Amino acid sequence: MYTSGEHCPMCSAAHAWVGLGRIVYVASAEQISGWRAAAGAVASAVAVLPITAVVPGLPVEGPVDELVPEVRALIERAVGSI
């Protein structure tokens, strides 16, 4: 699966339970959480955990550094519209 942001713990677990395989993400959950906080968003009710902490052994690739600025801009724009 290719995604702009790293899965949350619930999505990571669901991904593993159904056997979807490798995940490639652009921005990490920690990066996204930091950008949201810096933009004034309310903190998530869900802990920020890397996919590998929830699903050890799952093939995971990310962040994809050359695309991170684009995802950051999308997150900051989304927070600004709340």
C-alpha atoms as a PDB file:
ATOM      1  CA  MET A   1       0.000   0.000   0.000  1.00  0.00           C
ATOM      2  CA  TYR A   2       1.195   3.499  -0.837  1.00  0.00           C
ATOM      3  CA  THR A   3      -0.019   6.353   1.352  1.00  0.00           C
ATOM      4  CA  SER A   4       0.800   9.985   2.036  1.00  0.00           C
ATOM      5  CA  GLY A   5       0.904   9.507   5.805  1.00  0.00           C
ATOM      6  CA  GLU A   6       1.947   6.711   8.130  1.00  0.00           C
ATOM      7  CA  HIS A   7      -0.977   4.667   9.459  1.00  0.00           C
ATOM      8  CA  CYS A   8      -2.368   5.288  12.926  1.00  0.00           C
ATOM      9  CA  PRO A   9      -2.153   2.338  15.360  1.00  0.00           C
ATOM     10  CA  MET A  10      -5.700   1.158  14.557  1.00  0.00           C
ATOM     11  CA  CYS A  11      -5.120   1.240  10.795  1.00  0.00           C
ATOM     12  CA  SER A  12      -1.718  -0.424  11.211  1.00  0.00           C
ATOM     13  CA  ALA A  13      -3.319  -3.303  13.098  1.00  0.00           C
ATOM     14  CA  ALA A  14      -6.165  -3.640  10.584  1.00  0.00           C
ATOM     15  CA  HIS A  15      -3.670  -3.601   7.722  1.00  0.00           C
ATOM     16  CA  ALA A  16      -1.770  -6.473   9.327  1.00  0.00           C
ATOM     17  CA  TRP A  17      -4.877  -8.488  10.269  1.00  0.00           C
ATOM     18  CA  VAL A  18      -6.113  -8.567   6.668  1.00  0.00           C
ATOM     19  CA  GLY A  19      -2.640  -9.266   5.279  1.00  0.00           C
ATOM     20  CA  LEU A  20      -2.235  -6.338   2.902  1.00  0.00           C
ATOM     21  CA  GLY A  21       1.561  -6.551   3.015  1.00  0.00           C
ATOM     22  CA  ARG A  22       4.129  -3.804   2.561  1.00  0.00           C
ATOM     23  CA  ILE A  23       3.383  -0.166   3.387  1.00  0.00           C
ATOM     24  CA  VAL A  24       5.194   2.777   1.807  1.00  0.00           C
ATOM     25  CA  TYR A  25       4.375   6.175   3.318  1.00  0.00           C
ATOM     26  CA  VAL A  26       5.589   9.694   2.584  1.00  0.00           C
ATOM     27  CA  ALA A  27       5.378  11.406   5.995  1.00  0.00           C
ATOM     28  CA  SER A  28       5.689   9.724   9.390  1.00  0.00           C
ATOM     29  CA  ALA A  29       3.001   9.933  12.036  1.00  0.00           C
ATOM     30  CA  GLU A  30       5.443  11.830  14.243  1.00  0.00           C
ATOM     31  CA  GLN A  31       6.120  14.401  11.500  1.00  0.00           C
ATOM     32  CA  ILE A  32       2.396  14.875  10.875  1.00  0.00           C
ATOM     33  CA  SER A  33       1.665  15.200  14.598  1.00  0.00           C
ATOM     34  CA  GLY A  34       4.377  17.859  14.928  1.00  0.00           C
ATOM     35  CA  TRP A  35       3.112  19.857  11.942  1.00  0.00           C
ATOM     36  CA  ARG A  36      -0.451  19.725  13.268  1.00  0.00           C
ATOM     37  CA  ALA A  37       0.661  20.882  16.721  1.00  0.00           C
ATOM     38  CA  ALA A  38       2.752  23.715  15.270  1.00  0.00           C
ATOM     39  CA  ALA A  39      -0.260  24.838  13.240  1.00  0.00           C
ATOM     40  CA  GLY A  40      -2.443  24.938  16.373  1.00  0.00           C
ATOM     41  CA  ALA A  41      -4.502  21.771  15.873  1.00  0.00           C
ATOM     42  CA  VAL A  42      -5.911  19.873  18.844  1.00  0.00           C
ATOM     43  CA  ALA A  43      -3.813  16.829  19.737  1.00  0.00           C
ATOM     44  CA  SER A  44      -5.052  13.440  18.566  1.00  0.00           C
ATOM     45  CA  ALA A  45      -6.812  11.162  21.024  1.00  0.00           C
ATOM     46  CA  VAL A  46      -4.701   8.302  19.612  1.00  0.00           C
ATOM     47  CA  ALA A  47      -1.036   7.817  20.546  1.00  0.00           C
ATOM     48  CA  VAL A  48       1.508   8.453  17.824  1.00  0.00           C
ATOM     49  CA  LEU A  49       3.234   5.119  17.234  1.00  0.00           C
ATOM     50  CA  PRO A  50       5.269   3.964  14.261  1.00  0.00           C
ATOM     51  CA  ILE A  51       3.741   1.106  12.259  1.00  0.00           C
ATOM     52  CA  THR A  52       6.629  -1.150  13.250  1.00  0.00           C
ATOM     53  CA  ALA A  53       5.766  -0.700  16.956  1.00  0.00           C
ATOM     54  CA  VAL A  54       2.236  -1.959  16.297  1.00  0.00           C
ATOM     55  CA  VAL A  55       3.080  -4.616  13.698  1.00  0.00           C
ATOM     56  CA  PRO A  56       6.659  -5.856  14.141  1.00  0.00           C
ATOM     57  CA  GLY A  57       7.964  -7.568  11.052  1.00  0.00           C
ATOM     58  CA  LEU A  58       5.688  -5.830   8.544  1.00  0.00           C
ATOM     59  CA  PRO A  59       7.688  -4.455   5.613  1.00  0.00           C
ATOM     60  CA  VAL A  60       7.518  -0.660   5.918  1.00  0.00           C
ATOM     61  CA  GLU A  61       9.270   2.073   3.938  1.00  0.00           C
ATOM     62  CA  GLY A  62       9.176   5.763   4.726  1.00  0.00           C
ATOM     63  CA  PRO A  63       9.417   8.642   5.025  1.00  0.00           C
ATOM     64  CA  VAL A  64       9.964   9.513   1.376  1.00  0.00           C
ATOM     65  CA  ASP A  65      12.011  12.671   1.923  1.00  0.00           C
ATOM     66  CA  GLU A  66      11.603  14.213  -1.531  1.00  0.00           C
ATOM     67  CA  LEU A  67       7.785  14.225  -1.178  1.00  0.00           C
ATOM     68  CA  VAL A  68       7.580  15.308   2.480  1.00  0.00           C
ATOM     69  CA  PRO A  69       7.248  19.058   1.701  1.00  0.00           C
ATOM     70  CA  GLU A  70       4.124  18.398  -0.380  1.00  0.00           C
ATOM     71  CA  VAL A  71       2.435  16.410   2.395  1.00  0.00           C
ATOM     72  CA  ARG A  72       3.450  19.014   4.973  1.00  0.00           C
ATOM     73  CA  ALA A  73       1.797  21.738   2.887  1.00  0.00           C
ATOM     74  CA  LEU A  74      -1.404  19.670   2.643  1.00  0.00           C
ATOM     75  CA  ILE A  75      -1.477  19.075   6.424  1.00  0.00           C
ATOM     76  CA  GLU A  76      -0.861  22.737   7.219  1.00  0.00           C
ATOM     77  CA  ARG A  77      -3.543  23.815   4.739  1.00  0.00           C
ATOM     78  CA  ALA A  78      -6.018  21.340   6.231  1.00  0.00           C
ATOM     79  CA  VAL A  79      -5.336  22.522   9.800  1.00  0.00           C
ATOM     80  CA  GLY A  80      -5.695  26.137   8.687  1.00  0.00           C
ATOM     81  CA  SER A  81      -9.174  25.418   7.328  1.00  0.00           C
ATOM     82  CA  ILE A  82     -10.496  23.994  10.626  1.00  0.00           C
END
